[in-house]
């Protein structure tokens, strides 16, 4: 079975603001901006899990960069 999933990657955000119970996230290239709209009530309920996942992933990334820095220092 093939999953037809449309993925939107949001790297750097251009603008964030809330209006009418929605979080609006502008992202993409300055010449090709896209808008992601999220319901704040549902987002609020998901925040504990989102924060946990982001902190865990950020810790992995920091460890990876620290290992790379240490490898570079040891080569000097």
N, C-alpha and C. Protein backbone atom coordinates (compact mmCIF):
# COMPACT_ATOMS: atom_id res chain seq x y z
N UNK A 1 0.84 -1.19 0.00
CA UNK A 1 0.00 0.00 0.00
C UNK A 1 0.88 1.25 0.00
N UNK A 2 0.64 2.14 -0.90
CA UNK A 2 1.44 3.35 -1.02
C UNK A 2 0.79 4.48 -0.23
N UNK A 3 1.60 5.17 0.56
CA UNK A 3 1.12 6.29 1.37
C UNK A 3 1.38 7.59 0.62
N UNK A 4 0.34 8.29 0.25
CA UNK A 4 0.48 9.58 -0.43
C UNK A 4 0.50 10.68 0.62
N UNK A 5 1.68 10.95 1.13
CA UNK A 5 1.85 11.95 2.19
C UNK A 5 2.52 13.18 1.61
N UNK A 6 1.93 14.32 1.83
CA UNK A 6 2.51 15.58 1.38
C UNK A 6 3.27 16.17 2.56
N UNK A 7 4.59 16.23 2.45
CA UNK A 7 5.43 16.70 3.54
C UNK A 7 5.79 18.17 3.34
N UNK A 8 5.68 18.93 4.42
CA UNK A 8 6.11 20.33 4.41
C UNK A 8 7.24 20.45 5.41
N UNK A 9 8.42 20.83 4.92
CA UNK A 9 9.57 21.04 5.78
C UNK A 9 9.66 22.51 6.14
N UNK A 10 9.69 22.80 7.44
CA UNK A 10 9.84 24.17 7.91
C UNK A 10 11.20 24.27 8.57
N UNK A 11 12.14 24.92 7.89
CA UNK A 11 13.46 25.13 8.45
C UNK A 11 13.45 26.40 9.28
N UNK A 12 13.85 27.45 8.67
CA UNK A 12 13.86 28.75 9.33
C UNK A 12 12.52 29.44 9.12
N UNK A 13 11.98 30.02 10.17
CA UNK A 13 10.72 30.75 10.05
C UNK A 13 11.01 32.21 9.70
N UNK A 14 10.10 32.80 8.95
CA UNK A 14 10.22 34.20 8.57
C UNK A 14 9.41 35.10 9.50
N UNK A 15 8.29 34.56 10.00
CA UNK A 15 7.40 35.35 10.85
C UNK A 15 6.48 34.42 11.64
N UNK A 16 6.21 34.78 12.87
CA UNK A 16 5.27 34.06 13.73
C UNK A 16 4.29 35.05 14.33
N UNK A 17 3.00 34.73 14.28
CA UNK A 17 2.04 35.53 15.02
C UNK A 17 0.75 34.74 15.22
N UNK A 18 -0.04 35.16 16.18
CA UNK A 18 -1.32 34.51 16.47
C UNK A 18 -2.47 35.45 16.12
N UNK A 19 -3.55 34.84 15.67
CA UNK A 19 -4.73 35.61 15.31
C UNK A 19 -5.91 34.65 15.29
N UNK A 20 -7.00 35.03 15.91
CA UNK A 20 -8.25 34.26 15.87
C UNK A 20 -8.07 32.81 16.30
N UNK A 21 -7.26 32.58 17.34
CA UNK A 21 -7.07 31.22 17.85
C UNK A 21 -6.16 30.35 17.00
N UNK A 22 -5.39 30.97 16.13
CA UNK A 22 -4.49 30.22 15.26
C UNK A 22 -3.08 30.79 15.35
N UNK A 23 -2.10 29.89 15.30
CA UNK A 23 -0.70 30.28 15.19
C UNK A 23 -0.36 30.27 13.71
N UNK A 24 0.17 31.36 13.22
CA UNK A 24 0.53 31.47 11.81
C UNK A 24 2.04 31.54 11.70
N UNK A 25 2.60 30.61 10.93
CA UNK A 25 4.05 30.50 10.77
C UNK A 25 4.38 30.69 9.29
N UNK A 26 5.02 31.81 8.98
CA UNK A 26 5.48 32.06 7.61
C UNK A 26 6.87 31.46 7.50
N UNK A 27 7.11 30.70 6.42
CA UNK A 27 8.40 30.05 6.24
C UNK A 27 8.71 29.96 4.75
N UNK A 28 9.91 29.47 4.46
CA UNK A 28 10.33 29.33 3.06
C UNK A 28 11.29 30.42 2.66
N UNK A 29 11.53 30.51 1.38
CA UNK A 29 12.40 31.56 0.84
C UNK A 29 11.63 32.87 0.83
N UNK A 30 12.35 33.95 0.95
CA UNK A 30 11.72 35.27 0.98
C UNK A 30 10.93 35.53 -0.29
N UNK A 31 11.36 34.94 -1.41
CA UNK A 31 10.65 35.12 -2.67
C UNK A 31 9.59 34.05 -2.91
N UNK A 32 9.52 33.05 -2.03
CA UNK A 32 8.56 31.97 -2.16
C UNK A 32 8.05 31.57 -0.78
N UNK A 33 7.37 32.51 -0.13
CA UNK A 33 6.91 32.30 1.23
C UNK A 33 5.70 31.37 1.27
N UNK A 34 5.65 30.56 2.34
CA UNK A 34 4.52 29.66 2.56
C UNK A 34 4.00 29.92 3.97
N UNK A 35 2.74 29.57 4.18
CA UNK A 35 2.10 29.82 5.46
C UNK A 35 1.61 28.50 6.05
N UNK A 36 2.01 28.24 7.29
CA UNK A 36 1.53 27.10 8.05
C UNK A 36 0.63 27.65 9.15
N UNK A 37 -0.59 27.15 9.25
CA UNK A 37 -1.55 27.63 10.24
C UNK A 37 -1.90 26.47 11.17
N UNK A 38 -1.79 26.72 12.49
CA UNK A 38 -2.09 25.69 13.48
C UNK A 38 -3.09 26.22 14.49
N UNK A 39 -4.01 25.36 14.90
CA UNK A 39 -4.98 25.69 15.94
C UNK A 39 -4.25 25.72 17.28
N UNK A 40 -4.32 26.84 18.01
CA UNK A 40 -3.55 26.98 19.24
C UNK A 40 -4.04 26.06 20.36
N UNK A 41 -5.32 25.74 20.39
CA UNK A 41 -5.83 24.85 21.44
C UNK A 41 -5.22 23.46 21.31
N UNK A 42 -5.20 22.92 20.10
CA UNK A 42 -4.61 21.61 19.90
C UNK A 42 -3.09 21.65 20.05
N UNK A 43 -2.47 22.72 19.59
CA UNK A 43 -1.03 22.86 19.74
C UNK A 43 -0.65 22.88 21.22
N UNK A 44 -1.42 23.59 22.03
CA UNK A 44 -1.15 23.68 23.47
C UNK A 44 -1.19 22.30 24.12
N UNK A 45 -2.14 21.48 23.71
CA UNK A 45 -2.25 20.12 24.26
C UNK A 45 -1.05 19.26 23.86
N UNK A 46 -0.47 19.53 22.70
CA UNK A 46 0.68 18.76 22.21
C UNK A 46 2.02 19.29 22.70
N UNK A 47 2.05 20.49 23.29
CA UNK A 47 3.32 21.12 23.67
C UNK A 47 4.20 20.27 24.58
N UNK A 48 3.68 19.61 25.62
CA UNK A 48 4.58 18.82 26.46
C UNK A 48 5.36 17.77 25.67
N UNK A 49 4.69 17.08 24.78
CA UNK A 49 5.35 16.06 23.98
C UNK A 49 6.30 16.69 22.96
N UNK A 50 5.89 17.77 22.35
CA UNK A 50 6.75 18.47 21.38
C UNK A 50 8.03 18.94 22.06
N UNK A 51 7.90 19.55 23.23
CA UNK A 51 9.07 20.06 23.96
C UNK A 51 10.00 18.91 24.32
N UNK A 52 9.46 17.81 24.80
CA UNK A 52 10.28 16.65 25.17
C UNK A 52 11.07 16.14 23.96
N UNK A 53 10.39 15.99 22.83
CA UNK A 53 11.07 15.49 21.63
C UNK A 53 12.13 16.46 21.13
N UNK A 54 11.83 17.75 21.15
CA UNK A 54 12.78 18.76 20.66
C UNK A 54 14.02 18.80 21.56
N UNK A 55 13.82 18.75 22.87
CA UNK A 55 14.96 18.78 23.79
C UNK A 55 15.83 17.54 23.60
N UNK A 56 15.22 16.37 23.46
CA UNK A 56 15.99 15.15 23.25
C UNK A 56 16.78 15.21 21.95
N UNK A 57 16.15 15.68 20.89
CA UNK A 57 16.84 15.77 19.60
C UNK A 57 17.95 16.82 19.64
N UNK A 58 17.69 17.94 20.31
CA UNK A 58 18.71 18.98 20.42
C UNK A 58 19.91 18.47 21.21
N UNK A 59 19.67 17.69 22.25
CA UNK A 59 20.77 17.11 23.03
C UNK A 59 21.62 16.18 22.16
N UNK A 60 20.98 15.39 21.31
CA UNK A 60 21.72 14.52 20.39
C UNK A 60 22.58 15.35 19.45
N UNK A 61 22.02 16.42 18.92
CA UNK A 61 22.76 17.26 17.98
C UNK A 61 23.95 17.93 18.67
N UNK A 62 23.74 18.43 19.89
CA UNK A 62 24.83 19.08 20.62
C UNK A 62 25.94 18.08 20.91
N UNK A 63 25.59 16.84 21.26
CA UNK A 63 26.59 15.82 21.51
C UNK A 63 27.38 15.51 20.24
N UNK A 64 26.68 15.43 19.11
CA UNK A 64 27.34 15.17 17.85
C UNK A 64 28.34 16.28 17.52
N UNK A 65 27.90 17.54 17.66
CA UNK A 65 28.79 18.67 17.36
C UNK A 65 29.98 18.71 18.33
N UNK A 66 29.74 18.43 19.59
CA UNK A 66 30.83 18.42 20.57
C UNK A 66 31.84 17.33 20.23
N UNK A 67 31.37 16.16 19.80
CA UNK A 67 32.28 15.09 19.39
C UNK A 67 33.12 15.52 18.19
N UNK A 68 32.48 16.19 17.23
CA UNK A 68 33.21 16.67 16.05
C UNK A 68 34.25 17.72 16.43
N UNK A 69 33.91 18.60 17.35
CA UNK A 69 34.85 19.63 17.81
C UNK A 69 36.03 18.96 18.51
N UNK A 70 35.75 17.98 19.36
CA UNK A 70 36.83 17.27 20.06
C UNK A 70 37.74 16.52 19.09
N UNK A 71 37.18 15.93 18.05
CA UNK A 71 37.99 15.26 17.04
C UNK A 71 38.92 16.26 16.35
N UNK A 72 38.38 17.43 16.04
CA UNK A 72 39.20 18.46 15.39
C UNK A 72 40.31 18.95 16.30
N UNK A 73 40.00 19.14 17.58
CA UNK A 73 41.01 19.60 18.54
C UNK A 73 42.10 18.54 18.69
N UNK A 74 41.71 17.28 18.74
CA UNK A 74 42.70 16.20 18.91
C UNK A 74 43.63 16.07 17.72
N UNK A 75 43.20 16.54 16.55
CA UNK A 75 44.04 16.48 15.36
C UNK A 75 45.10 17.59 15.35
N UNK A 76 44.91 18.61 16.17
CA UNK A 76 45.85 19.75 16.19
C UNK A 76 47.16 19.38 16.86
